[in-house]
Amino acid sequence: MSLQDELTDVKRRLDDLTRTVERLERSLAHKREDAPRTQPAGRPEDLVTIPDTPYDSSLWTDSDDEGLGARDRHAP
């Protein structure tokens, strides 16, 4: 195959790829328009509000510090 034939083949394949991508973009845009909009895009449905107030310190009674081990023991 000559260089010119290879370049022609590459151009044809790039044109095919461009048409395929354009078709895919149109298809996705159409599907987005048809999809029901129940909430803004990118927002989870169930948001959990976390209060700014400090936690009750009794929640941490008898707990180990994660990664540090128990309070009354030495590290090896």
N, C-alpha and C. Protein backbone atom coordinates (compact mmCIF):
# COMPACT_ATOMS: atom_id res chain seq x y z
N MET A 1 0.85 -1.17 0.00
CA MET A 1 0.00 0.00 0.00
C MET A 1 0.90 1.24 0.00
N SER A 2 0.58 2.19 -0.83
CA SER A 2 1.41 3.40 -0.90
C SER A 2 1.05 4.34 0.23
N LEU A 3 1.90 5.31 0.45
CA LEU A 3 1.67 6.30 1.51
C LEU A 3 0.38 7.06 1.25
N GLN A 4 0.13 7.41 0.00
CA GLN A 4 -1.09 8.15 -0.34
C GLN A 4 -2.34 7.31 -0.04
N ASP A 5 -2.29 6.02 -0.35
CA ASP A 5 -3.42 5.13 -0.05
C ASP A 5 -3.66 5.03 1.46
N GLU A 6 -2.59 4.95 2.23
CA GLU A 6 -2.72 4.88 3.68
C GLU A 6 -3.30 6.18 4.24
N LEU A 7 -2.86 7.32 3.72
CA LEU A 7 -3.41 8.60 4.19
C LEU A 7 -4.88 8.74 3.84
N THR A 8 -5.25 8.28 2.67
CA THR A 8 -6.66 8.31 2.26
C THR A 8 -7.49 7.42 3.18
N ASP A 9 -6.97 6.25 3.51
CA ASP A 9 -7.67 5.33 4.40
C ASP A 9 -7.83 5.93 5.80
N VAL A 10 -6.77 6.57 6.31
CA VAL A 10 -6.84 7.19 7.63
C VAL A 10 -7.87 8.31 7.63
N LYS A 11 -7.89 9.13 6.58
CA LYS A 11 -8.87 10.23 6.50
C LYS A 11 -10.29 9.68 6.48
N ARG A 12 -10.52 8.61 5.71
CA ARG A 12 -11.85 8.00 5.65
C ARG A 12 -12.28 7.49 7.02
N ARG A 13 -11.35 6.84 7.72
CA ARG A 13 -11.67 6.31 9.05
C ARG A 13 -11.94 7.43 10.05
N LEU A 14 -11.18 8.52 9.96
CA LEU A 14 -11.42 9.67 10.84
C LEU A 14 -12.78 10.30 10.57
N ASP A 15 -13.15 10.39 9.30
CA ASP A 15 -14.47 10.91 8.95
C ASP A 15 -15.57 10.02 9.51
N ASP A 16 -15.38 8.69 9.41
CA ASP A 16 -16.36 7.74 9.97
C ASP A 16 -16.46 7.92 11.49
N LEU A 17 -15.32 8.07 12.13
CA LEU A 17 -15.32 8.26 13.58
C LEU A 17 -16.03 9.55 13.95
N THR A 18 -15.76 10.62 13.22
CA THR A 18 -16.41 11.91 13.50
C THR A 18 -17.92 11.79 13.36
N ARG A 19 -18.39 11.15 12.30
CA ARG A 19 -19.84 10.97 12.13
C ARG A 19 -20.44 10.12 13.25
N THR A 20 -19.74 9.09 13.67
CA THR A 20 -20.24 8.23 14.75
C THR A 20 -20.34 8.99 16.06
N VAL A 21 -19.33 9.80 16.37
CA VAL A 21 -19.35 10.58 17.60
C VAL A 21 -20.47 11.61 17.56
N GLU A 22 -20.67 12.25 16.42
CA GLU A 22 -21.76 13.23 16.30
C GLU A 22 -23.12 12.56 16.50
N ARG A 23 -23.29 11.36 15.92
CA ARG A 23 -24.54 10.62 16.12
C ARG A 23 -24.75 10.28 17.59
N LEU A 24 -23.69 9.85 18.25
CA LEU A 24 -23.77 9.52 19.67
C LEU A 24 -24.12 10.74 20.50
N GLU A 25 -23.50 11.88 20.21
CA GLU A 25 -23.81 13.12 20.94
C GLU A 25 -25.27 13.51 20.75
N ARG A 26 -25.79 13.42 19.53
CA ARG A 26 -27.20 13.75 19.29
C ARG A 26 -28.11 12.80 20.05
N SER A 27 -27.75 11.51 20.06
CA SER A 27 -28.56 10.52 20.76
C SER A 27 -28.59 10.79 22.26
N LEU A 28 -27.43 11.10 22.83
CA LEU A 28 -27.38 11.39 24.27
C LEU A 28 -28.12 12.67 24.61
N ALA A 29 -28.00 13.68 23.76
CA ALA A 29 -28.72 14.93 24.01
C ALA A 29 -30.23 14.68 23.97
N HIS A 30 -30.68 13.85 23.05
CA HIS A 30 -32.10 13.53 22.94
C HIS A 30 -32.57 12.78 24.18
N LYS A 31 -31.77 11.82 24.65
CA LYS A 31 -32.14 11.07 25.84
C LYS A 31 -32.19 11.96 27.07
N ARG A 32 -31.27 12.91 27.16
CA ARG A 32 -31.27 13.85 28.30
C ARG A 32 -32.53 14.70 28.30
N GLU A 33 -32.98 15.11 27.11
CA GLU A 33 -34.19 15.93 27.02
C GLU A 33 -35.42 15.13 27.42
N ASP A 34 -35.43 13.83 27.11
CA ASP A 34 -36.58 12.98 27.42
C ASP A 34 -36.61 12.51 28.86
N ALA A 35 -35.48 12.58 29.55
CA ALA A 35 -35.41 12.07 30.92
C ALA A 35 -36.22 12.96 31.85
N PRO A 36 -36.96 12.36 32.78
CA PRO A 36 -37.73 13.17 33.74
C PRO A 36 -36.79 13.91 34.69
N ARG A 37 -37.14 15.14 34.97
CA ARG A 37 -36.33 15.97 35.87
C ARG A 37 -37.00 16.02 37.24
N THR A 38 -36.55 15.19 38.15
CA THR A 38 -37.12 15.18 39.49
C THR A 38 -36.28 16.00 40.46
N GLN A 39 -35.02 16.22 40.11
CA GLN A 39 -34.12 16.97 40.98
C GLN A 39 -33.02 17.56 40.12
N PRO A 40 -32.30 18.55 40.63
CA PRO A 40 -31.19 19.09 39.85
C PRO A 40 -30.14 18.02 39.59
N ALA A 41 -29.54 18.06 38.42
CA ALA A 41 -28.54 17.07 38.05
C ALA A 41 -27.35 17.13 39.00
N GLY A 42 -26.85 15.96 39.40
CA GLY A 42 -25.66 15.90 40.23
C GLY A 42 -25.92 16.01 41.72
N ARG A 43 -27.19 16.11 42.15
CA ARG A 43 -27.48 16.20 43.57
C ARG A 43 -28.09 14.90 44.05
N PRO A 44 -27.57 14.35 45.14
CA PRO A 44 -28.16 13.13 45.68
C PRO A 44 -29.56 13.38 46.22
N GLU A 45 -30.39 12.35 46.17
CA GLU A 45 -31.78 12.49 46.61
C GLU A 45 -31.90 12.67 48.11
N ASP A 46 -31.16 11.87 48.87
CA ASP A 46 -31.30 11.89 50.31
C ASP A 46 -30.09 12.58 50.94
N LEU A 47 -30.23 13.87 51.21
CA LEU A 47 -29.17 14.61 51.87
C LEU A 47 -29.33 14.48 53.37
N VAL A 48 -28.24 14.30 54.06
CA VAL A 48 -28.26 14.18 55.51
C VAL A 48 -27.59 15.43 56.07
N THR A 49 -28.28 16.13 56.93
CA THR A 49 -27.72 17.32 57.55
C THR A 49 -26.97 16.91 58.80
N ILE A 50 -25.74 17.31 58.91
CA ILE A 50 -24.92 17.01 60.07
C ILE A 50 -24.80 18.29 60.90
N PRO A 51 -25.23 18.26 62.15
CA PRO A 51 -25.22 19.47 62.96
C PRO A 51 -23.79 19.89 63.31
N ASP A 52 -23.62 21.18 63.56
CA ASP A 52 -22.31 21.73 63.95
C ASP A 52 -22.04 21.59 65.44
N THR A 53 -23.03 21.16 66.20
CA THR A 53 -22.84 21.04 67.65
C THR A 53 -21.89 19.89 67.96
N PRO A 54 -21.09 20.02 69.03
CA PRO A 54 -20.15 18.94 69.38
C PRO A 54 -20.91 17.67 69.80
N TYR A 55 -20.29 16.54 69.55
CA TYR A 55 -20.87 15.27 69.98
C TYR A 55 -20.76 15.13 71.49
N ASP A 56 -21.65 14.33 72.05
CA ASP A 56 -21.63 14.02 73.47
C ASP A 56 -20.37 13.19 73.75
N SER A 57 -19.53 13.63 74.66
CA SER A 57 -18.28 12.93 74.94
C SER A 57 -18.50 11.53 75.50
N SER A 58 -19.69 11.24 76.02
CA SER A 58 -19.95 9.89 76.53
C SER A 58 -19.99 8.86 75.40
N LEU A 59 -20.14 9.33 74.17
CA LEU A 59 -20.11 8.41 73.03
C LEU A 59 -18.75 7.75 72.88
N TRP A 60 -17.72 8.40 73.38
CA TRP A 60 -16.35 7.92 73.16
C TRP A 60 -15.78 7.19 74.38
N THR A 61 -16.58 7.01 75.42
CA THR A 61 -16.12 6.30 76.60
C THR A 61 -15.78 4.85 76.24
N ASP A 62 -14.65 4.37 76.74
CA ASP A 62 -14.20 3.00 76.50
C ASP A 62 -13.88 2.72 75.02
N SER A 63 -13.55 3.74 74.30
CA SER A 63 -13.17 3.51 72.90
C SER A 63 -11.66 3.64 72.75
N ASP A 64 -11.13 2.94 71.78
CA ASP A 64 -9.71 3.04 71.48
C ASP A 64 -9.50 4.13 70.43
N ASP A 65 -8.36 4.79 70.51
CA ASP A 65 -8.03 5.76 69.47
C ASP A 65 -7.63 4.97 68.23
N GLU A 66 -8.33 5.19 67.16
CA GLU A 66 -8.08 4.43 65.94
C GLU A 66 -6.65 4.64 65.47
N GLY A 67 -5.96 3.56 65.29
CA GLY A 67 -4.59 3.63 64.82
C GLY A 67 -3.57 3.80 65.93
N LEU A 68 -4.03 4.15 67.14
CA LEU A 68 -3.11 4.36 68.26
C LEU A 68 -3.20 3.26 69.31
N GLY A 69 -4.24 2.46 69.26
CA GLY A 69 -4.38 1.39 70.22
C GLY A 69 -5.13 1.85 71.46
N ALA A 70 -5.16 0.99 72.44
CA ALA A 70 -5.87 1.28 73.69
C ALA A 70 -5.09 2.31 74.51
N ARG A 71 -5.81 3.09 75.29
CA ARG A 71 -5.20 4.17 76.07
C ARG A 71 -4.28 3.66 77.19
N ASP A 72 -4.61 2.49 77.76
CA ASP A 72 -3.86 2.02 78.92
C ASP A 72 -2.75 1.04 78.56
N ARG A 73 -2.43 0.88 77.28
CA ARG A 73 -1.38 -0.05 76.86
C ARG A 73 -0.29 0.69 76.09
N HIS A 74 0.89 0.09 76.07
CA HIS A 74 2.04 0.65 75.37
C HIS A 74 2.10 0.14 73.95
N ALA A 75 2.68 0.92 73.11
CA ALA A 75 2.95 0.45 71.74
C ALA A 75 4.16 -0.49 71.78
N PRO A 76 4.24 -1.48 70.95
CA PRO A 76 5.35 -2.44 70.98
C PRO A 76 6.68 -1.78 70.64
